[in-house]
Amino acid sequence: AKRILSSGNRIRKLRTIAKQDDISTPENVNMLKEQIYDLTLDLNFRKC
């Protein structure tokens, strides 16, 4: 978490680019977001 904060604009830019990119299959995305939701109970993961 401290490294995320200290990386500043660099990691924010990379994350923004990644959100617009296609680096996996829809099946993998759907499976992973459900499993992370089960772990965190954060509903935002289901919207990915």
All heavy atoms as atom14 arrays in JSON, in Angstrom:
{
  "sequence": "AKRILSSGNRIRKLRTIAKQDDISTPENVNMLKEQIYDLTLDLNFRKC",
  "atom14_mask": [
    [1, 1, 1, 1, 1, 0, 0, 0, 0, 0, 0, 0, 0, 0],
    [1, 1, 1, 1, 1, 1, 1, 1, 1, 0, 0, 0, 0, 0],
    [1, 1, 1, 1, 1, 1, 1, 1, 1, 1, 1, 0, 0, 0],
    [1, 1, 1, 1, 1, 1, 1, 1, 0, 0, 0, 0, 0, 0],
    [1, 1, 1, 1, 1, 1, 1, 1, 0, 0, 0, 0, 0, 0],
    [1, 1, 1, 1, 1, 1, 0, 0, 0, 0, 0, 0, 0, 0],
    [1, 1, 1, 1, 1, 1, 0, 0, 0, 0, 0, 0, 0, 0],
    [1, 1, 1, 1, 0, 0, 0, 0, 0, 0, 0, 0, 0, 0],
    [1, 1, 1, 1, 1, 1, 1, 1, 0, 0, 0, 0, 0, 0],
    [1, 1, 1, 1, 1, 1, 1, 1, 1, 1, 1, 0, 0, 0],
    [1, 1, 1, 1, 1, 1, 1, 1, 0, 0, 0, 0, 0, 0],
    [1, 1, 1, 1, 1, 1, 1, 1, 1, 1, 1, 0, 0, 0],
    [1, 1, 1, 1, 1, 1, 1, 1, 1, 0, 0, 0, 0, 0],
    [1, 1, 1, 1, 1, 1, 1, 1, 0, 0, 0, 0, 0, 0],
    [1, 1, 1, 1, 1, 1, 1, 1, 1, 1, 1, 0, 0, 0],
    [1, 1, 1, 1, 1, 1, 1, 0, 0, 0, 0, 0, 0, 0],
    [1, 1, 1, 1, 1, 1, 1, 1, 0, 0, 0, 0, 0, 0],
    [1, 1, 1, 1, 1, 0, 0, 0, 0, 0, 0, 0, 0, 0],
    [1, 1, 1, 1, 1, 1, 1, 1, 1, 0, 0, 0, 0, 0],
    [1, 1, 1, 1, 1, 1, 1, 1, 1, 0, 0, 0, 0, 0],
    [1, 1, 1, 1, 1, 1, 1, 1, 0, 0, 0, 0, 0, 0],
    [1, 1, 1, 1, 1, 1, 1, 1, 0, 0, 0, 0, 0, 0],
    [1, 1, 1, 1, 1, 1, 1, 1, 0, 0, 0, 0, 0, 0],
    [1, 1, 1, 1, 1, 1, 0, 0, 0, 0, 0, 0, 0, 0],
    [1, 1, 1, 1, 1, 1, 1, 0, 0, 0, 0, 0, 0, 0],
    [1, 1, 1, 1, 1, 1, 1, 0, 0, 0, 0, 0, 0, 0],
    [1, 1, 1, 1, 1, 1, 1, 1, 1, 0, 0, 0, 0, 0],
    [1, 1, 1, 1, 1, 1, 1, 1, 0, 0, 0, 0, 0, 0],
    [1, 1, 1, 1, 1, 1, 1, 0, 0, 0, 0, 0, 0, 0],
    [1, 1, 1, 1, 1, 1, 1, 1, 0, 0, 0, 0, 0, 0],
    [1, 1, 1, 1, 1, 1, 1, 1, 0, 0, 0, 0, 0, 0],
    [1, 1, 1, 1, 1, 1, 1, 1, 0, 0, 0, 0, 0, 0],
    [1, 1, 1, 1, 1, 1, 1, 1, 1, 0, 0, 0, 0, 0],
    [1, 1, 1, 1, 1, 1, 1, 1, 1, 0, 0, 0, 0, 0],
    [1, 1, 1, 1, 1, 1, 1, 1, 1, 0, 0, 0, 0, 0],
    [1, 1, 1, 1, 1, 1, 1, 1, 0, 0, 0, 0, 0, 0],
    [1, 1, 1, 1, 1, 1, 1, 1, 1, 1, 1, 1, 0, 0],
    [1, 1, 1, 1, 1, 1, 1, 1, 0, 0, 0, 0, 0, 0],
    [1, 1, 1, 1, 1, 1, 1, 1, 0, 0, 0, 0, 0, 0],
    [1, 1, 1, 1, 1, 1, 1, 0, 0, 0, 0, 0, 0, 0],
    [1, 1, 1, 1, 1, 1, 1, 1, 0, 0, 0, 0, 0, 0],
    [1, 1, 1, 1, 1, 1, 1, 1, 0, 0, 0, 0, 0, 0],
    [1, 1, 1, 1, 1, 1, 1, 1, 0, 0, 0, 0, 0, 0],
    [1, 1, 1, 1, 1, 1, 1, 1, 0, 0, 0, 0, 0, 0],
    [1, 1, 1, 1, 1, 1, 1, 1, 1, 1, 1, 0, 0, 0],
    [1, 1, 1, 1, 1, 1, 1, 1, 1, 1, 1, 0, 0, 0],
    [1, 1, 1, 1, 1, 1, 1, 1, 1, 0, 0, 0, 0, 0],
    [1, 1, 1, 1, 1, 1, 0, 0, 0, 0, 0, 0, 0, 0]
  ],
  "atom14_positions": [
    [[0.83, -1.21, 0.0], [0.0, 0.0, 0.0], [0.87, 1.26, 0.0], [0.58, 2.23, -0.72], [-0.93, -0.01, 1.22], [0.0, 0.0, 0.0], [0.0, 0.0, 0.0], [0.0, 0.0, 0.0], [0.0, 0.0, 0.0], [0.0, 0.0, 0.0], [0.0, 0.0, 0.0], [0.0, 0.0, 0.0], [0.0, 0.0, 0.0], [0.0, 0.0, 0.0]],
    [[1.93, 1.25, 0.78], [2.84, 2.4, 0.81], [3.51, 2.59, -0.54], [3.71, 3.73, -0.99], [3.9, 2.2, 1.9], [3.35, 2.28, 3.31], [4.45, 1.98, 4.34], [3.89, 1.98, 5.75], [4.92, 1.63, 6.76], [0.0, 0.0, 0.0], [0.0, 0.0, 0.0], [0.0, 0.0, 0.0], [0.0, 0.0, 0.0], [0.0, 0.0, 0.0]],
    [[3.86, 1.5, -1.21], [4.49, 1.61, -2.53], [3.5, 2.13, -3.56], [3.88, 2.87, -4.48], [5.05, 0.25, -2.96], [6.24, -0.2, -2.11], [6.91, -1.42, -2.71], [7.99, -1.87, -1.84], [8.04, -3.05, -1.21], [7.06, -3.92, -1.39], [9.04, -3.37, -0.43], [0.0, 0.0, 0.0], [0.0, 0.0, 0.0], [0.0, 0.0, 0.0]],
    [[2.23, 1.72, -3.45], [1.21, 2.25, -4.35], [1.11, 3.76, -4.2], [1.07, 4.51, -5.18], [-0.16, 1.6, -4.07], [-0.13, 0.11, -4.44], [-1.28, 2.31, -4.84], [-1.36, -0.66, -3.98], [0.0, 0.0, 0.0], [0.0, 0.0, 0.0], [0.0, 0.0, 0.0], [0.0, 0.0, 0.0], [0.0, 0.0, 0.0], [0.0, 0.0, 0.0]],
    [[1.11, 4.22, -2.95], [1.01, 5.66, -2.69], [2.26, 6.41, -3.16], [2.17, 7.49, -3.74], [0.8, 5.89, -1.19], [-0.55, 5.41, -0.65], [-0.55, 5.45, 0.88], [-1.69, 6.26, -1.19], [0.0, 0.0, 0.0], [0.0, 0.0, 0.0], [0.0, 0.0, 0.0], [0.0, 0.0, 0.0], [0.0, 0.0, 0.0], [0.0, 0.0, 0.0]],
    [[3.43, 5.82, -2.93], [4.68, 6.51, -3.3], [4.94, 6.49, -4.8], [5.69, 7.31, -5.31], [5.87, 5.88, -2.55], [6.07, 4.54, -2.96], [0.0, 0.0, 0.0], [0.0, 0.0, 0.0], [0.0, 0.0, 0.0], [0.0, 0.0, 0.0], [0.0, 0.0, 0.0], [0.0, 0.0, 0.0], [0.0, 0.0, 0.0], [0.0, 0.0, 0.0]],
    [[4.32, 5.53, -5.52], [4.52, 5.46, -6.98], [3.78, 6.57, -7.72], [4.08, 6.84, -8.9], [4.08, 4.09, -7.51], [4.9, 3.06, -6.98], [0.0, 0.0, 0.0], [0.0, 0.0, 0.0], [0.0, 0.0, 0.0], [0.0, 0.0, 0.0], [0.0, 0.0, 0.0], [0.0, 0.0, 0.0], [0.0, 0.0, 0.0], [0.0, 0.0, 0.0]],
    [[2.8, 7.17, -7.07], [2.15, 8.38, -7.6], [1.57, 8.23, -8.99], [0.84, 7.29, -9.3], [0.0, 0.0, 0.0], [0.0, 0.0, 0.0], [0.0, 0.0, 0.0], [0.0, 0.0, 0.0], [0.0, 0.0, 0.0], [0.0, 0.0, 0.0], [0.0, 0.0, 0.0], [0.0, 0.0, 0.0], [0.0, 0.0, 0.0], [0.0, 0.0, 0.0]],
    [[1.92, 9.18, -9.85], [1.34, 9.24, -11.2], [1.71, 8.04, -12.06], [0.93, 7.62, -12.92], [1.8, 10.52, -11.92], [1.11, 11.75, -11.38], [0.0, 11.67, -10.86], [1.77, 12.89, -11.47], [0.0, 0.0, 0.0], [0.0, 0.0, 0.0], [0.0, 0.0, 0.0], [0.0, 0.0, 0.0], [0.0, 0.0, 0.0], [0.0, 0.0, 0.0]],
    [[2.89, 7.48, -11.81], [3.35, 6.38, -12.67], [2.4, 5.19, -12.58], [1.97, 4.65, -13.61], [4.77, 5.97, -12.28], [5.32, 4.86, -13.16], [6.81, 4.72, -12.99], [7.38, 3.73, -13.89], [8.67, 3.64, -14.18], [9.52, 4.48, -13.63], [9.11, 2.71, -15.0], [0.0, 0.0, 0.0], [0.0, 0.0, 0.0], [0.0, 0.0, 0.0]],
    [[2.07, 4.78, -11.37], [1.2, 3.6, -11.25], [-0.24, 3.96, -11.61], [-0.98, 3.12, -12.14], [1.29, 2.98, -9.84], [0.72, 1.56, -9.86], [0.58, 3.84, -8.79], [1.05, 0.74, -8.65], [0.0, 0.0, 0.0], [0.0, 0.0, 0.0], [0.0, 0.0, 0.0], [0.0, 0.0, 0.0], [0.0, 0.0, 0.0], [0.0, 0.0, 0.0]],
    [[-0.64, 5.22, -11.38], [-1.99, 5.62, -11.79], [-2.14, 5.55, -13.31], [-3.16, 5.1, -13.83], [-2.29, 7.03, -11.28], [-2.72, 7.08, -9.83], [-3.35, 8.42, -9.47], [-2.37, 9.49, -9.47], [-1.65, 9.85, -8.4], [-1.8, 9.18, -7.26], [-0.78, 10.84, -8.46], [0.0, 0.0, 0.0], [0.0, 0.0, 0.0], [0.0, 0.0, 0.0]],
    [[-1.12, 6.0, -14.03], [-1.14, 5.93, -15.49], [-1.21, 4.48, -15.96], [-1.98, 4.15, -16.87], [0.1, 6.61, -16.07], [0.09, 8.13, -15.96], [1.37, 8.71, -16.56], [1.4, 10.23, -16.44], [2.66, 10.81, -16.97], [0.0, 0.0, 0.0], [0.0, 0.0, 0.0], [0.0, 0.0, 0.0], [0.0, 0.0, 0.0], [0.0, 0.0, 0.0]],
    [[-0.4, 3.62, -15.35], [-0.38, 2.21, -15.76], [-1.73, 1.55, -15.5], [-2.23, 0.8, -16.35], [0.73, 1.46, -15.01], [0.98, 0.04, -15.49], [1.63, 0.04, -16.88], [1.89, -0.73, -14.51], [0.0, 0.0, 0.0], [0.0, 0.0, 0.0], [0.0, 0.0, 0.0], [0.0, 0.0, 0.0], [0.0, 0.0, 0.0], [0.0, 0.0, 0.0]],
    [[-2.33, 1.83, -14.37], [-3.63, 1.24, -14.04], [-4.72, 1.75, -14.99], [-5.6, 0.98, -15.41], [-3.98, 1.55, -12.59], [-3.12, 0.79, -11.59], [-3.17, 1.38, -10.2], [-4.49, 1.32, -9.61], [-4.77, 1.73, -8.37], [-3.8, 2.24, -7.62], [-5.98, 1.63, -7.88], [0.0, 0.0, 0.0], [0.0, 0.0, 0.0], [0.0, 0.0, 0.0]],
    [[-4.67, 3.01, -15.35], [-5.64, 3.57, -16.29], [-5.52, 2.9, -17.66], [-6.53, 2.55, -18.29], [-5.43, 5.09, -16.44], [-5.62, 5.72, -15.17], [-6.41, 5.68, -17.44], [0.0, 0.0, 0.0], [0.0, 0.0, 0.0], [0.0, 0.0, 0.0], [0.0, 0.0, 0.0], [0.0, 0.0, 0.0], [0.0, 0.0, 0.0], [0.0, 0.0, 0.0]],
    [[-4.29, 2.69, -18.1], [-4.05, 2.03, -19.39], [-4.53, 0.58, -19.34], [-5.15, 0.08, -20.28], [-2.56, 2.11, -19.77], [-2.16, 3.56, -20.04], [-2.26, 1.24, -20.99], [-0.67, 3.79, -20.13], [0.0, 0.0, 0.0], [0.0, 0.0, 0.0], [0.0, 0.0, 0.0], [0.0, 0.0, 0.0], [0.0, 0.0, 0.0], [0.0, 0.0, 0.0]],
    [[-4.23, -0.11, -18.23], [-4.62, -1.52, -18.09], [-6.15, -1.68, -18.13], [-6.66, -2.67, -18.67], [-4.06, -2.08, -16.79], [0.0, 0.0, 0.0], [0.0, 0.0, 0.0], [0.0, 0.0, 0.0], [0.0, 0.0, 0.0], [0.0, 0.0, 0.0], [0.0, 0.0, 0.0], [0.0, 0.0, 0.0], [0.0, 0.0, 0.0], [0.0, 0.0, 0.0]],
    [[-6.87, -0.71, -17.58], [-8.34, -0.8, -17.56], [-8.94, -0.67, -18.96], [-10.08, -1.04, -19.18], [-8.91, 0.3, -16.65], [-8.71, 0.02, -15.17], [-9.5, 0.96, -14.28], [-9.01, 2.38, -14.35], [-9.75, 3.26, -13.4], [0.0, 0.0, 0.0], [0.0, 0.0, 0.0], [0.0, 0.0, 0.0], [0.0, 0.0, 0.0], [0.0, 0.0, 0.0]],
    [[-8.16, -0.15, -19.9], [-8.63, -0.01, -21.28], [-8.08, -1.12, -22.18], [-8.37, -1.15, -23.37], [-8.19, 1.35, -21.83], [-8.69, 2.53, -21.02], [-8.01, 3.84, -21.4], [-7.12, 3.87, -22.25], [-8.43, 4.93, -20.78], [0.0, 0.0, 0.0], [0.0, 0.0, 0.0], [0.0, 0.0, 0.0], [0.0, 0.0, 0.0], [0.0, 0.0, 0.0]],
    [[-7.3, -2.03, -21.59], [-6.6, -3.04, -22.38], [-7.3, -4.39, -22.28], [-8.13, -4.62, -21.39], [-5.14, -3.16, -21.88], [-4.2, -3.62, -22.98], [-4.68, -4.15, -24.0], [-2.98, -3.46, -22.81], [0.0, 0.0, 0.0], [0.0, 0.0, 0.0], [0.0, 0.0, 0.0], [0.0, 0.0, 0.0], [0.0, 0.0, 0.0], [0.0, 0.0, 0.0]],
    [[-6.94, -5.27, -23.18], [-7.5, -6.63, -23.21], [-6.36, -7.61, -23.06], [-5.63, -7.88, -24.01], [-8.24, -6.85, -24.54], [-8.81, -8.26, -24.64], [-8.96, -8.9, -23.58], [-9.07, -8.72, -25.77], [0.0, 0.0, 0.0], [0.0, 0.0, 0.0], [0.0, 0.0, 0.0], [0.0, 0.0, 0.0], [0.0, 0.0, 0.0], [0.0, 0.0, 0.0]],
    [[-6.19, -8.15, -21.84], [-5.06, -9.05, -21.58], [-5.51, -10.39, -21.0], [-4.7, -11.12, -20.41], [-4.03, -8.39, -20.63], [-4.69, -7.85, -19.38], [-3.28, -7.28, -21.36], [-3.72, -7.31, -18.34], [0.0, 0.0, 0.0], [0.0, 0.0, 0.0], [0.0, 0.0, 0.0], [0.0, 0.0, 0.0], [0.0, 0.0, 0.0], [0.0, 0.0, 0.0]],
    [[-6.78, -10.73, -21.18], [-7.27, -12.03, -20.76], [-8.57, -12.33, -21.48], [-9.05, -11.53, -22.3], [-7.47, -12.07, -19.23], [-7.76, -13.39, -18.8], [0.0, 0.0, 0.0], [0.0, 0.0, 0.0], [0.0, 0.0, 0.0], [0.0, 0.0, 0.0], [0.0, 0.0, 0.0], [0.0, 0.0, 0.0], [0.0, 0.0, 0.0], [0.0, 0.0, 0.0]],
    [[-9.16, -13.47, -21.18], [-10.41, -13.88, -21.82], [-11.6, -13.5, -20.94], [-11.47, -13.4, -19.71], [-10.44, -15.39, -22.05], [-10.41, -16.07, -20.77], [-9.21, -15.84, -22.85], [0.0, 0.0, 0.0], [0.0, 0.0, 0.0], [0.0, 0.0, 0.0], [0.0, 0.0, 0.0], [0.0, 0.0, 0.0], [0.0, 0.0, 0.0], [0.0, 0.0, 0.0]],
    [[-12.78, -13.29, -21.52], [-13.97, -12.97, -20.71], [-14.27, -14.04, -19.67], [-14.71, -13.73, -18.56], [-15.09, -12.88, -21.77], [-14.39, -12.54, -23.04], [-13.06, -13.24, -22.98], [0.0, 0.0, 0.0], [0.0, 0.0, 0.0], [0.0, 0.0, 0.0], [0.0, 0.0, 0.0], [0.0, 0.0, 0.0], [0.0, 0.0, 0.0], [0.0, 0.0, 0.0]],
    [[-14.03, -15.32, -20.02], [-14.28, -16.4, -19.07], [-13.39, -16.27, -17.84], [-13.85, -16.44, -16.69], [-14.04, -17.76, -19.74], [-14.98, -18.1, -20.88], [-14.63, -17.4, -22.19], [-13.51, -16.83, -22.28], [-15.46, -17.41, -23.1], [0.0, 0.0, 0.0], [0.0, 0.0, 0.0], [0.0, 0.0, 0.0], [0.0, 0.0, 0.0], [0.0, 0.0, 0.0]],
    [[-12.11, -15.96, -18.06], [-11.19, -15.8, -16.94], [-11.55, -14.6, -16.07], [-11.46, -14.64, -14.85], [-9.75, -15.66, -17.44], [-9.16, -16.97, -17.92], [-9.73, -18.03, -17.69], [-8.04, -16.9, -18.6], [0.0, 0.0, 0.0], [0.0, 0.0, 0.0], [0.0, 0.0, 0.0], [0.0, 0.0, 0.0], [0.0, 0.0, 0.0], [0.0, 0.0, 0.0]],
    [[-11.96, -13.51, -16.73], [-12.34, -12.3, -15.99], [-13.55, -12.58, -15.1], [-13.56, -12.23, -13.9], [-12.66, -11.15, -16.96], [-13.22, -9.94, -16.2], [-11.41, -10.74, -17.74], [0.0, 0.0, 0.0], [0.0, 0.0, 0.0], [0.0, 0.0, 0.0], [0.0, 0.0, 0.0], [0.0, 0.0, 0.0], [0.0, 0.0, 0.0], [0.0, 0.0, 0.0]],
    [[-14.56, -13.24, -15.65], [-15.78, -13.53, -14.89], [-15.49, -14.46, -13.71], [-16.02, -14.29, -12.61], [-16.83, -14.16, -15.8], [-17.39, -13.16, -16.8], [-17.41, -11.96, -16.55], [-17.82, -13.65, -17.95], [0.0, 0.0, 0.0], [0.0, 0.0, 0.0], [0.0, 0.0, 0.0], [0.0, 0.0, 0.0], [0.0, 0.0, 0.0], [0.0, 0.0, 0.0]],
    [[-14.63, -15.45, -13.94], [-14.3, -16.38, -12.87], [-13.53, -15.69, -11.75], [-13.85, -15.84, -10.56], [-13.45, -17.54, -13.42], [-13.12, -18.61, -12.38], [-11.92, -19.84, -12.99], [-12.8, -20.47, -14.42], [0.0, 0.0, 0.0], [0.0, 0.0, 0.0], [0.0, 0.0, 0.0], [0.0, 0.0, 0.0], [0.0, 0.0, 0.0], [0.0, 0.0, 0.0]],
    [[-12.53, -14.88, -12.11], [-11.68, -14.26, -11.1], [-12.43, -13.21, -10.29], [-12.28, -13.14, -9.07], [-10.45, -13.62, -11.76], [-9.42, -13.03, -10.79], [-8.85, -14.09, -9.88], [-8.29, -12.33, -11.54], [0.0, 0.0, 0.0], [0.0, 0.0, 0.0], [0.0, 0.0, 0.0], [0.0, 0.0, 0.0], [0.0, 0.0, 0.0], [0.0, 0.0, 0.0]],
    [[-13.25, -12.4, -10.95], [-13.94, -11.33, -10.2], [-14.92, -11.93, -9.19], [-15.12, -11.37, -8.11], [-14.62, -10.37, -11.16], [-15.83, -10.9, -11.92], [-16.36, -9.84, -12.87], [-17.65, -10.28, -13.55], [-18.14, -9.26, -14.5], [0.0, 0.0, 0.0], [0.0, 0.0, 0.0], [0.0, 0.0, 0.0], [0.0, 0.0, 0.0], [0.0, 0.0, 0.0]],
    [[-15.52, -13.09, -9.51], [-16.42, -13.74, -8.56], [-15.63, -14.31, -7.38], [-16.07, -14.22, -6.22], [-17.22, -14.84, -9.25], [-18.3, -14.34, -10.19], [-19.37, -13.54, -9.45], [-19.69, -13.89, -8.31], [-19.86, -12.55, -10.03], [0.0, 0.0, 0.0], [0.0, 0.0, 0.0], [0.0, 0.0, 0.0], [0.0, 0.0, 0.0], [0.0, 0.0, 0.0]],
    [[-14.48, -14.9, -7.66], [-13.68, -15.49, -6.58], [-13.1, -14.4, -5.67], [-13.0, -14.6, -4.46], [-12.57, -16.36, -7.16], [-13.1, -17.62, -7.84], [-12.0, -18.56, -8.29], [-10.84, -18.39, -7.96], [-12.38, -19.59, -9.05], [0.0, 0.0, 0.0], [0.0, 0.0, 0.0], [0.0, 0.0, 0.0], [0.0, 0.0, 0.0], [0.0, 0.0, 0.0]],
    [[-12.71, -13.26, -6.23], [-12.21, -12.17, -5.39], [-13.36, -11.56, -4.6], [-13.18, -11.18, -3.43], [-11.5, -11.1, -6.24], [-10.25, -11.68, -6.9], [-11.12, -9.9, -5.38], [-9.46, -10.68, -7.73], [0.0, 0.0, 0.0], [0.0, 0.0, 0.0], [0.0, 0.0, 0.0], [0.0, 0.0, 0.0], [0.0, 0.0, 0.0], [0.0, 0.0, 0.0]],
    [[-14.54, -11.49, -5.18], [-15.71, -11.0, -4.43], [-15.97, -11.91, -3.22], [-16.23, -11.41, -2.12], [-16.95, -10.95, -5.32], [-18.22, -10.77, -4.52], [-18.53, -9.52, -3.96], [-19.06, -11.85, -4.28], [-19.68, -9.37, -3.18], [-20.21, -11.7, -3.5], [-20.51, -10.46, -2.96], [-21.63, -10.31, -2.18], [0.0, 0.0, 0.0], [0.0, 0.0, 0.0]],
    [[-15.9, -13.22, -3.43], [-16.12, -14.15, -2.32], [-15.1, -13.92, -1.2], [-15.41, -14.14, -0.02], [-16.01, -15.6, -2.81], [-17.16, -15.98, -3.73], [-18.21, -15.3, -3.68], [-17.01, -16.94, -4.51], [0.0, 0.0, 0.0], [0.0, 0.0, 0.0], [0.0, 0.0, 0.0], [0.0, 0.0, 0.0], [0.0, 0.0, 0.0], [0.0, 0.0, 0.0]],
    [[-13.91, -13.47, -1.57], [-12.85, -13.25, -0.58], [-13.0, -11.89, 0.12], [-12.8, -11.78, 1.33], [-11.48, -13.31, -1.26], [-10.25, -13.11, -0.39], [-10.09, -14.28, 0.59], [-8.99, -12.97, -1.25], [0.0, 0.0, 0.0], [0.0, 0.0, 0.0], [0.0, 0.0, 0.0], [0.0, 0.0, 0.0], [0.0, 0.0, 0.0], [0.0, 0.0, 0.0]],
    [[-13.39, -10.86, -0.63], [-13.41, -9.5, -0.09], [-14.82, -8.98, 0.24], [-14.95, -8.03, 1.02], [-12.78, -8.53, -1.1], [-13.58, -8.5, -2.3], [-11.35, -8.96, -1.45], [0.0, 0.0, 0.0], [0.0, 0.0, 0.0], [0.0, 0.0, 0.0], [0.0, 0.0, 0.0], [0.0, 0.0, 0.0], [0.0, 0.0, 0.0], [0.0, 0.0, 0.0]],
    [[-15.84, -9.58, -0.4], [-17.24, -9.12, -0.28], [-17.4, -7.68, -0.76], [-18.3, -6.96, -0.33], [-17.72, -9.26, 1.18], [-17.71, -10.67, 1.75], [-18.23, -10.68, 3.18], [-18.52, -11.63, 0.89], [0.0, 0.0, 0.0], [0.0, 0.0, 0.0], [0.0, 0.0, 0.0], [0.0, 0.0, 0.0], [0.0, 0.0, 0.0], [0.0, 0.0, 0.0]],
    [[-16.54, -7.26, -1.67], [-16.62, -5.94, -2.28], [-17.4, -6.06, -3.59], [-16.92, -6.65, -4.56], [-15.22, -5.38, -2.53], [-15.23, -3.93, -3.0], [-16.26, -3.5, -3.55], [-14.22, -3.24, -2.82], [0.0, 0.0, 0.0], [0.0, 0.0, 0.0], [0.0, 0.0, 0.0], [0.0, 0.0, 0.0], [0.0, 0.0, 0.0], [0.0, 0.0, 0.0]],
    [[-18.61, -5.49, -3.64], [-19.48, -5.62, -4.81], [-18.9, -5.0, -6.07], [-19.3, -5.36, -7.18], [-20.85, -4.99, -4.51], [-21.79, -5.82, -3.63], [-22.98, -4.99, -3.22], [-22.23, -7.09, -4.36], [0.0, 0.0, 0.0], [0.0, 0.0, 0.0], [0.0, 0.0, 0.0], [0.0, 0.0, 0.0], [0.0, 0.0, 0.0], [0.0, 0.0, 0.0]],
    [[-17.96, -4.09, -5.92], [-17.37, -3.44, -7.09], [-16.66, -4.43, -8.01], [-16.57, -4.21, -9.22], [-16.38, -2.35, -6.66], [-17.09, -1.14, -6.06], [-18.12, -0.71, -6.57], [-16.56, -0.62, -4.96], [0.0, 0.0, 0.0], [0.0, 0.0, 0.0], [0.0, 0.0, 0.0], [0.0, 0.0, 0.0], [0.0, 0.0, 0.0], [0.0, 0.0, 0.0]],
    [[-16.15, -5.52, -7.44], [-15.46, -6.51, -8.28], [-16.42, -7.15, -9.29], [-16.01, -7.5, -10.4], [-14.81, -7.59, -7.41], [-13.52, -7.15, -6.77], [-13.48, -6.81, -5.43], [-12.36, -7.05, -7.52], [-12.29, -6.39, -4.84], [-11.17, -6.63, -6.94], [-11.13, -6.29, -5.6], [0.0, 0.0, 0.0], [0.0, 0.0, 0.0], [0.0, 0.0, 0.0]],
    [[-17.68, -7.31, -8.91], [-18.65, -7.91, -9.82], [-18.97, -7.02, -11.02], [-19.54, -7.48, -12.01], [-19.93, -8.25, -9.06], [-19.78, -9.47, -8.14], [-21.09, -9.87, -7.54], [-21.03, -11.24, -7.02], [-22.01, -11.82, -6.33], [-23.13, -11.14, -6.1], [-21.88, -13.05, -5.9], [0.0, 0.0, 0.0], [0.0, 0.0, 0.0], [0.0, 0.0, 0.0]],
    [[-18.61, -5.74, -10.92], [-18.89, -4.8, -12.01], [-17.74, -4.72, -13.01], [-17.86, -4.01, -14.02], [-19.15, -3.41, -11.42], [-20.31, -3.36, -10.43], [-20.43, -1.98, -9.78], [-21.5, -1.97, -8.71], [-21.56, -0.65, -8.03], [0.0, 0.0, 0.0], [0.0, 0.0, 0.0], [0.0, 0.0, 0.0], [0.0, 0.0, 0.0], [0.0, 0.0, 0.0]],
    [[-16.64, -5.42, -12.76], [-15.47, -5.33, -13.63], [-15.74, -5.98, -14.99], [-16.41, -7.01, -15.08], [-14.26, -6.02, -12.98], [-13.68, -5.2, -11.49], [0.0, 0.0, 0.0], [0.0, 0.0, 0.0], [0.0, 0.0, 0.0], [0.0, 0.0, 0.0], [0.0, 0.0, 0.0], [0.0, 0.0, 0.0], [0.0, 0.0, 0.0], [0.0, 0.0, 0.0]]
  ]
}
